[in-house]
Structures are given as structure tokens and as C-alpha cells.
Amino acid sequence: MSPSAQTTLIQRILDQRAQKPPSPDEGTTATVRVMLRVLPPPKALLIFEDRTLAAHTERRIAPGVLDLESVADEGEALRTFAAEFRPLVLTDNPEVVRKLRARQGARAPFILYVTNVDDPVERQSGLLAGADDCVERRVTNDEFNARLSGARRIAELEAVLRITMAENRKLSATDELTRVASRRFFAKHFPREVARAARYGRSLSVVLCDIDHFKKLNELLGHPGADEILKQFGPRMQGSLRSGLDWVARIGGEEFAVVLPETGYEGALVLARKLRDGICNTPFKADRKKVRVTASFGLCGVDRVPAGAPRWAHRMLKTADLALYQSKNNGRNRITATDLKMTAPPPRGFGRGEEGTASQ
């Protein structure tokens, strides 16, 4: 299933289930971090006349840092670049640099000029042709990797900016009330988290959380008081997570999703217990009153997301969804957790549940 189809499927699930944050700067930083992490490695084109230098340069680039394609012929390189944009170009040919810079297009690549000798005239030639940076063949690996990391960082930030601008009209990244990620952000980026985990064979978990008896809170506190609970709820959960890696989204009126990259089943279960305790053991404040709140949780953990498995984002979300409903049906204020394997989707009644122990 294509990424766009997965996004549509996730959005449909969220739309069916929907019933109705930190400071803005912090929220923006968190969403940008997510977008940067889930982007695939930038595509890079290596255009070298000196094949020995090309091989030497390619060996220095660690696997997974860039999506590399190497060509030797200048004409082939320009045709390849015209057919598909590459945000990074490494070359030893100043004429290629000039021709790439002369092209009129909506996007410009970051060009790293690689010289075979430590010669100021040679470096100047590349920079005057339009290269963004210059590195000499005999620099240390640390310097080479530092310059390459800088080039990659610029390319990734440009990609995030481009995606954000393209999606700006249809995607609000932050939920206005709770200041955590929005439902649309979740629908876009959860499939991308799954794709990233599958690409590198990493673990991933998702936890769905629903505030218990929220309608009663609305009746007791009124809509302004219930909104005060929601305003505190998302940031309270975010405070228990790893900064810059884990993230929270509001995906329904009183329902939240917690995405835990690089975290398998056992680690996610420990975190879910921490989240539940943090909610039920510390009162919330609304209309100058202390209000005790509990929540139910459904967890789906995967210790290694398999590559090429169809509809994996959909399966994880549906599994967590079933677990959440089981927690609600079994008395609320509890966690139901499932370790998802490469098997058929589990039936109702699956999972391991544990009752909450809220202070009274």
C-alpha cells in the first residue's frame, strides 16, 4: 500500500472514531523534530570525472546517511537530475556546478564540491562556479562527515519547509486547545513513523488513551471546565515522554495517541503505566477545584516492524483501538496491551489487561 493510501486509511479510521499544549514555539519544534526524523535519507547524486575520487568519496559515506546514485558522464548526470530532483549533489566538476546553477527551477540542490588536491585555486574554482561548500579529499573522516552532516541538515530542513508549505492549507500541525499534535498531523506522520521503523528494522509502539467519563466531567464542570482538563491533559502526558522523540496527538474529543519510536512492547507498557499513574494520582484543576481524572489505555507494541508488510500502520492502530475498547469495557482506568506479531489481526478479547490503582 502506498504512503498516500495509508494516510487516507488512517484518516478514515480517525474520522470514524472522532466525537467532536506546551507553548506554540515548543509545539512547532516538536512537530518539526518528528518530520525530520521520519523523512527518508535525502537522495544524492554523485557526479565525478575522477572515478578513483568517486570511489574514495562513496566509501566515506556511512550506509543509510544518503540515498546515493553515482554517474560519471556529465550529460547523463544532467539528464538524471532533470528527470528527478536530488537535494544533494557531490561533484569534482566545476562545469557541472555551473550548469546545475544555470537551470531555472523551483528548487536548488545543495552542492558539495570535492577537490582532489588541497589547492586554494581549485577550491575557489568550485565556489565561484556556485558550490555551497568545498571539501578536500585528504581531510579527516570527522571533518568530511561534519560537512556532509551540515549539507544533509540543510537539505532536510528545506524538505520539511516545502512539505509544510504544501500541506499548510489542509494540515494544522498543532491542536489549538491542547497544544499537542493534531489529528491530521497524526494521520500524516504515524504512517511515516511506521515506514521509518520498517526501513531500519526498529521497534515502534502506539498507545491510545481515552479520558474516562468525560461526558460527566462536562456536566459537572461545564464546557469551559472540561476544556481546562483537556488543556492540562496533553502536556501532562508529554511531560512523561522522551523529549524530541516520543510525541502526543489529540485524535478525538477526549482521546489522545502517544507514539513511541524506538520502543518495543515491554518499554511501552512501562511508559503506559507511568502515564496512567500520572493522570489518576495527581488531581487536575478546573474552576479553582481539584478534579480527579482517570483514563483508559490501549497499547500496541512491535519489537521489530517488518519491511514490506502490508497495511502495518492500519494494523497497529486497529490493534491499539481494540485494546482501548477492552480497557473501557472491563472497568476503565486500566491498560490493555498487545505485542503485535506477524500474524493475523487478533480477535476481540485479545491482549493483556491490568487494572488501575487510582488513589481515592
Protein backbone atom coordinates (compact mmCIF):
# COMPACT_ATOMS: atom_id res chain seq x y z
CA MET A 1 0.00 0.00 0.00
CA SER A 2 1.34 3.42 -0.94
CA PRO A 3 2.06 6.06 1.77
CA SER A 4 -0.80 8.22 0.48
CA ALA A 5 -3.22 5.28 0.68
CA GLN A 6 -2.06 4.50 4.22
CA THR A 7 -2.58 8.13 5.19
CA THR A 8 -6.12 8.05 3.75
CA LEU A 9 -6.87 4.83 5.62
CA ILE A 10 -5.61 6.18 8.94
CA GLN A 11 -7.55 9.41 8.42
CA ARG A 12 -10.72 7.41 7.73
CA ILE A 13 -10.29 5.44 10.96
CA LEU A 14 -9.74 8.62 12.94
CA ASP A 15 -12.73 10.34 11.32
CA GLN A 16 -14.94 7.39 12.21
CA ARG A 17 -13.82 7.43 15.84
CA ALA A 18 -13.73 11.19 16.42
CA GLN A 19 -16.51 12.66 18.57
CA LYS A 20 -16.16 16.09 18.22
CA PRO A 21 -0.11 22.03 24.58
CA PRO A 22 3.22 23.33 25.61
CA SER A 23 3.83 26.82 24.22
CA PRO A 24 3.32 27.39 20.48
CA ASP A 25 7.07 27.55 19.88
CA GLU A 26 7.63 24.27 21.74
CA GLY A 27 4.81 22.63 19.80
CA THR A 28 6.28 23.75 16.49
CA THR A 29 9.74 22.49 17.48
CA ALA A 30 8.32 19.10 18.47
CA THR A 31 6.44 18.64 15.20
CA VAL A 32 9.47 19.68 13.13
CA ARG A 33 11.57 17.11 15.02
CA VAL A 34 9.08 14.41 14.14
CA MET A 35 9.04 15.44 10.48
CA LEU A 36 12.84 15.45 10.31
CA ARG A 37 13.13 12.03 11.93
CA VAL A 38 10.62 10.28 9.71
CA LEU A 39 11.97 11.63 6.42
CA PRO A 40 13.85 9.01 4.38
CA PRO A 41 17.55 9.66 3.70
CA PRO A 42 17.97 12.52 1.19
CA LYS A 43 18.62 11.47 -2.37
CA ALA A 44 22.11 12.41 -3.50
CA LEU A 45 23.74 12.41 -6.93
CA LEU A 46 27.49 11.80 -7.18
CA ILE A 47 28.97 13.24 -10.39
CA PHE A 48 32.72 12.59 -10.61
CA GLU A 49 35.11 12.67 -13.54
CA ASP A 50 37.81 11.09 -11.38
CA ARG A 51 36.50 7.57 -10.71
CA THR A 52 39.14 6.93 -8.04
CA LEU A 53 37.99 10.03 -6.17
CA ALA A 54 34.38 8.94 -6.67
CA ALA A 55 35.03 5.54 -5.11
CA HIS A 56 37.02 7.11 -2.26
CA THR A 57 34.20 9.57 -1.52
CA GLU A 58 31.47 6.94 -1.69
CA ARG A 59 33.34 4.70 0.77
CA ARG A 60 33.40 7.51 3.33
CA ILE A 61 29.61 7.88 3.36
CA ALA A 62 28.09 5.61 6.01
CA PRO A 63 25.20 3.33 4.94
CA GLY A 64 21.79 4.92 5.40
CA VAL A 65 23.07 8.51 5.53
CA LEU A 66 22.17 9.25 1.91
CA ASP A 67 20.27 7.55 -0.88
CA LEU A 68 23.15 7.52 -3.34
CA GLU A 69 23.33 7.33 -7.11
CA SER A 70 26.66 7.73 -8.89
CA VAL A 71 27.20 8.73 -12.53
CA ALA A 72 30.39 9.60 -14.42
CA ASP A 73 29.20 11.21 -17.63
CA GLU A 74 28.25 14.90 -17.40
CA GLY A 75 25.43 14.61 -19.92
CA GLU A 76 23.94 11.57 -18.18
CA ALA A 77 24.20 13.38 -14.85
CA LEU A 78 22.26 16.41 -16.10
CA ARG A 79 19.59 14.18 -17.67
CA THR A 80 19.29 12.17 -14.45
CA PHE A 81 18.97 15.32 -12.38
CA ALA A 82 16.35 16.74 -14.76
CA ALA A 83 14.30 13.54 -14.53
CA GLU A 84 14.24 13.58 -10.72
CA PHE A 85 15.39 16.32 -8.37
CA ARG A 86 18.19 15.43 -5.93
CA PRO A 87 18.55 17.75 -2.92
CA LEU A 88 22.27 16.91 -2.60
CA VAL A 89 24.96 16.80 -5.27
CA LEU A 90 28.62 15.84 -4.72
CA THR A 91 30.96 16.55 -7.62
CA ASP A 92 34.54 17.28 -8.64
CA ASN A 93 33.48 19.06 -11.83
CA PRO A 94 33.04 22.87 -11.68
CA GLU A 95 31.35 22.86 -15.09
CA VAL A 96 28.62 20.57 -13.71
CA VAL A 97 28.19 23.01 -10.84
CA ARG A 98 27.75 25.93 -13.27
CA LYS A 99 25.24 24.04 -15.41
CA LEU A 100 23.17 22.96 -12.40
CA ARG A 101 23.11 26.52 -11.10
CA ALA A 102 22.10 27.83 -14.52
CA ARG A 103 18.95 25.71 -14.50
CA GLN A 104 15.76 27.57 -13.64
CA GLY A 105 13.70 25.54 -11.22
CA ALA A 106 11.61 25.80 -8.09
CA ARG A 107 14.27 24.01 -6.04
CA ALA A 108 18.05 24.27 -5.91
CA PRO A 109 20.29 21.44 -4.67
CA PHE A 110 23.00 21.77 -2.05
CA ILE A 111 26.25 21.20 -3.95
CA LEU A 112 29.34 19.91 -2.14
CA TYR A 113 32.43 20.36 -4.30
CA VAL A 114 35.15 17.74 -3.69
CA THR A 115 38.73 18.54 -4.73
CA ASN A 116 41.47 16.02 -5.36
CA VAL A 117 44.22 18.33 -4.11
CA ASP A 118 44.48 20.89 -1.32
CA ASP A 119 44.72 23.89 -3.63
CA PRO A 120 43.13 27.30 -2.84
CA VAL A 121 42.68 27.98 -6.56
CA GLU A 122 40.85 24.68 -7.01
CA ARG A 123 38.54 25.38 -4.06
CA GLN A 124 37.89 28.89 -5.36
CA SER A 125 37.00 27.45 -8.75
CA GLY A 126 34.26 25.30 -7.25
CA LEU A 127 32.85 28.01 -5.02
CA LEU A 128 32.81 30.61 -7.82
CA ALA A 129 31.00 28.12 -10.03
CA GLY A 130 28.21 28.04 -7.43
CA ALA A 131 29.06 25.25 -4.98
CA ASP A 132 27.68 25.67 -1.44
CA ASP A 133 30.70 24.12 0.27
CA CYS A 134 34.05 22.64 -0.62
CA VAL A 135 35.97 19.72 0.90
CA GLU A 136 39.38 18.34 0.03
CA ARG A 137 39.99 14.64 -0.49
CA ARG A 138 42.55 14.28 2.32
CA VAL A 139 40.53 15.85 5.13
CA THR A 140 39.90 13.66 8.15
CA ASN A 141 36.81 11.49 8.29
CA ASP A 142 35.49 13.64 11.12
CA GLU A 143 35.67 16.82 9.01
CA PHE A 144 34.22 15.09 5.96
CA ASN A 145 31.28 13.73 7.98
CA ALA A 146 30.73 17.10 9.64
CA ARG A 147 30.47 18.85 6.27
CA LEU A 148 28.23 16.09 4.92
CA SER A 149 26.02 16.30 8.01
CA GLY A 150 25.66 20.04 7.50
CA ALA A 151 24.67 19.51 3.88
CA ARG A 152 22.15 16.83 4.84
CA ARG A 153 20.67 19.00 7.60
CA ILE A 154 20.10 21.87 5.15
CA ALA A 155 18.51 19.51 2.63
CA GLU A 156 16.21 18.01 5.28
CA LEU A 157 15.12 21.40 6.64
CA GLU A 158 14.35 22.52 3.09
CA ALA A 159 12.26 19.37 2.61
CA VAL A 160 10.34 19.97 5.85
CA LEU A 161 9.70 23.58 4.86
CA ARG A 162 8.50 22.50 1.43
CA ILE A 163 6.18 19.81 2.86
CA THR A 164 4.81 22.21 5.46
CA MET A 165 4.10 24.91 2.89
CA ALA A 166 2.48 22.42 0.51
CA GLU A 167 0.25 21.00 3.24
CA ASN A 168 -0.38 24.25 5.06
CA ARG A 169 -3.93 24.73 3.80
CA LYS A 170 -5.07 21.23 4.66
CA LEU A 171 -2.90 20.37 7.65
CA SER A 172 -2.90 22.02 11.03
CA ALA A 173 0.07 20.53 12.85
CA THR A 174 -0.96 21.52 16.39
CA ASP A 175 -4.27 21.08 18.20
CA GLU A 176 -5.39 24.56 19.20
CA LEU A 177 -6.82 23.62 22.61
CA THR A 178 -4.28 21.14 23.98
CA ARG A 179 -1.17 22.35 22.07
CA VAL A 180 -0.11 18.80 21.26
CA ALA A 181 -0.05 17.43 17.70
CA SER A 182 -3.36 17.46 15.84
CA ARG A 183 -5.39 14.57 14.48
CA ARG A 184 -4.39 15.47 10.93
CA PHE A 185 -0.72 15.57 11.93
CA PHE A 186 -1.14 12.08 13.41
CA ALA A 187 -2.83 10.81 10.24
CA LYS A 188 0.08 12.11 8.14
CA HIS A 189 3.02 11.21 10.33
CA PHE A 190 2.09 7.99 12.11
CA PRO A 191 2.29 6.05 8.80
CA ARG A 192 5.63 7.76 8.20
CA GLU A 193 6.87 6.62 11.63
CA VAL A 194 5.82 3.07 10.72
CA ALA A 195 7.60 3.34 7.36
CA ARG A 196 10.75 4.60 9.05
CA ALA A 197 10.71 1.77 11.62
CA ALA A 198 10.20 -0.77 8.82
CA ARG A 199 13.01 0.78 6.76
CA TYR A 200 15.55 0.36 9.56
CA GLY A 201 14.05 -2.69 11.31
CA ARG A 202 13.31 -0.73 14.50
CA SER A 203 10.73 -1.10 17.25
CA LEU A 204 7.64 1.10 17.49
CA SER A 205 4.64 1.36 19.79
CA VAL A 206 1.43 3.35 19.83
CA VAL A 207 -0.77 3.96 22.88
CA LEU A 208 -4.35 5.19 22.60
CA CYS A 209 -5.69 6.99 25.66
CA ASP A 210 -9.30 7.99 26.37
CA ILE A 211 -10.39 10.11 29.34
CA ASP A 212 -12.92 8.16 31.42
CA HIS A 213 -16.46 9.51 31.86
CA PHE A 214 -15.69 12.73 30.02
CA LYS A 215 -19.39 13.48 29.48
CA LYS A 216 -19.85 13.52 33.25
CA LEU A 217 -16.95 15.94 33.56
CA ASN A 218 -18.71 18.16 31.02
CA GLU A 219 -21.91 18.02 33.06
CA LEU A 220 -20.10 18.66 36.34
CA LEU A 221 -17.71 21.40 35.20
CA GLY A 222 -19.39 22.79 32.08
CA HIS A 223 -17.59 23.08 28.75
CA PRO A 224 -15.07 25.68 29.98
CA GLY A 225 -14.10 23.47 32.94
CA ALA A 226 -13.83 20.37 30.75
CA ASP A 227 -11.67 22.34 28.35
CA GLU A 228 -9.39 23.20 31.25
CA ILE A 229 -8.94 19.48 31.88
CA LEU A 230 -8.06 18.94 28.21
CA LYS A 231 -5.59 21.83 28.23
CA GLN A 232 -3.70 20.17 31.08
CA PHE A 233 -4.08 16.60 29.85
CA GLY A 234 -1.91 16.63 26.72
CA PRO A 235 1.05 18.50 28.23
CA ARG A 236 0.90 16.28 31.32
CA MET A 237 1.35 13.21 29.14
CA GLN A 238 4.04 14.90 27.06
CA GLY A 239 5.95 15.62 30.26
CA SER A 240 6.41 11.87 30.84
CA LEU A 241 7.88 11.24 27.39
CA ARG A 242 11.34 11.49 25.88
CA SER A 243 11.89 14.96 24.53
CA GLY A 244 12.41 15.15 20.78
CA LEU A 245 11.46 11.51 20.14
CA ASP A 246 8.09 10.47 21.61
CA TRP A 247 5.04 12.56 20.76
CA VAL A 248 1.37 13.01 21.62
CA ALA A 249 -1.56 13.85 19.33
CA ARG A 250 -5.17 14.65 20.12
CA ILE A 251 -7.17 12.43 17.76
CA GLY A 252 -10.68 12.88 19.16
CA GLY A 253 -12.68 14.95 21.61
CA GLU A 254 -11.12 13.35 24.70
CA GLU A 255 -8.87 10.80 23.02
CA PHE A 256 -5.13 11.00 22.54
CA ALA A 257 -2.49 8.91 20.79
CA VAL A 258 1.06 8.52 22.10
CA VAL A 259 3.66 7.46 19.52
CA LEU A 260 6.81 5.82 20.86
CA PRO A 261 9.56 5.38 18.24
CA GLU A 262 12.41 3.00 19.10
CA THR A 263 10.25 1.45 21.86
CA GLY A 264 9.02 -2.14 21.86
CA TYR A 265 6.22 -3.80 23.80
CA GLU A 266 7.85 -4.02 27.24
CA GLY A 267 9.17 -0.45 27.23
CA ALA A 268 5.82 0.87 26.01
CA LEU A 269 3.97 -0.96 28.79
CA VAL A 270 6.25 0.61 31.41
CA LEU A 271 5.59 4.03 29.89
CA ALA A 272 1.81 3.43 29.73
CA ARG A 273 1.79 2.61 33.47
CA LYS A 274 3.67 5.83 34.12
CA LEU A 275 1.16 7.79 32.04
CA ARG A 276 -1.82 6.22 33.81
CA ASP A 277 -0.36 6.88 37.25
CA GLY A 278 0.50 10.46 36.30
CA ILE A 279 -3.11 11.10 35.35
CA CYS A 280 -5.01 9.34 38.12
CA ASN A 281 -2.74 10.08 41.08
CA THR A 282 -2.44 13.85 40.66
CA PRO A 283 -5.66 15.92 40.58
CA PHE A 284 -6.37 18.32 37.74
CA LYS A 285 -7.51 21.89 38.37
CA ALA A 286 -10.68 23.39 36.93
CA ASP A 287 -12.61 26.44 38.14
CA ARG A 288 -10.33 26.57 41.22
CA LYS A 289 -11.35 23.00 42.09
CA LYS A 290 -9.25 19.86 42.30
CA VAL A 291 -10.70 17.24 39.99
CA ARG A 292 -9.66 13.60 39.93
CA VAL A 293 -9.46 12.16 36.43
CA THR A 294 -8.75 8.66 35.18
CA ALA A 295 -8.08 7.35 31.68
CA SER A 296 -8.14 4.04 29.84
CA PHE A 297 -5.32 2.87 27.59
CA GLY A 298 -4.90 0.54 24.62
CA LEU A 299 -1.34 -0.35 23.64
CA CYS A 300 0.13 -1.97 20.57
CA GLY A 301 3.86 -2.68 20.68
CA VAL A 302 6.08 -4.07 17.92
CA ASP A 303 9.64 -5.08 18.75
CA ARG A 304 10.71 -5.00 15.10
CA VAL A 305 8.49 -3.57 12.39
CA PRO A 306 8.86 -5.82 9.34
CA ALA A 307 9.76 -4.36 5.97
CA GLY A 308 7.20 -4.74 3.23
CA ALA A 309 4.31 -5.84 5.44
CA PRO A 310 1.03 -4.52 4.00
CA ARG A 311 -1.12 -2.03 5.93
CA TRP A 312 1.09 -2.20 9.02
CA ALA A 313 0.14 1.28 10.25
CA HIS A 314 -3.53 0.30 9.94
CA ARG A 315 -2.96 -2.94 11.86
CA MET A 316 -1.16 -1.21 14.69
CA LEU A 317 -3.85 1.42 15.08
CA LYS A 318 -6.70 -1.11 14.93
CA THR A 319 -4.93 -3.33 17.46
CA ALA A 320 -4.48 -0.43 19.90
CA ASP A 321 -8.10 0.58 19.24
CA LEU A 322 -9.42 -2.87 20.18
CA ALA A 323 -7.24 -2.85 23.29
CA LEU A 324 -8.63 0.55 24.31
CA TYR A 325 -12.21 -0.64 23.97
CA GLN A 326 -11.37 -3.69 26.05
CA SER A 327 -10.00 -1.43 28.79
CA LYS A 328 -13.19 0.65 28.69
CA ASN A 329 -15.43 -2.41 28.76
CA ASN A 330 -13.52 -4.02 31.63
CA GLY A 331 -13.96 -1.15 34.07
CA ARG A 332 -11.81 1.76 32.83
CA ASN A 333 -8.66 3.24 34.44
CA ARG A 334 -6.65 0.34 33.11
CA ILE A 335 -4.23 -0.67 30.38
CA THR A 336 -4.75 -3.41 27.82
CA ALA A 337 -1.56 -4.18 25.93
CA THR A 338 -0.76 -6.34 22.92
CA ASP A 339 2.56 -7.40 21.44
CA LEU A 340 1.77 -7.43 17.72
CA LYS A 341 3.49 -10.14 15.71
CA MET A 342 3.43 -11.10 12.04
CA THR A 343 0.13 -12.92 12.47
CA ALA A 344 -3.48 -12.37 11.54
CA PRO A 345 -5.18 -9.45 13.32
CA PRO A 346 -6.21 -10.53 16.84
CA PRO A 347 -9.90 -11.08 17.65
CA ARG A 348 -11.87 -9.21 20.27
CA GLY A 349 -10.92 -10.19 23.77
CA PHE A 350 -7.20 -10.30 22.97
CA GLY A 351 -4.42 -8.63 24.89
CA ARG A 352 -3.18 -8.40 28.45
CA GLY A 353 -5.09 -6.08 30.73
CA GLU A 354 -4.25 -4.65 34.12
CA GLU A 355 -6.48 -2.71 36.45
CA GLY A 356 -5.61 0.78 37.60
CA THR A 357 -4.88 1.64 41.21
CA ALA A 358 -6.00 5.24 41.44
CA SER A 359 -5.88 6.98 44.80
CA GLN A 360 -9.34 7.69 46.18
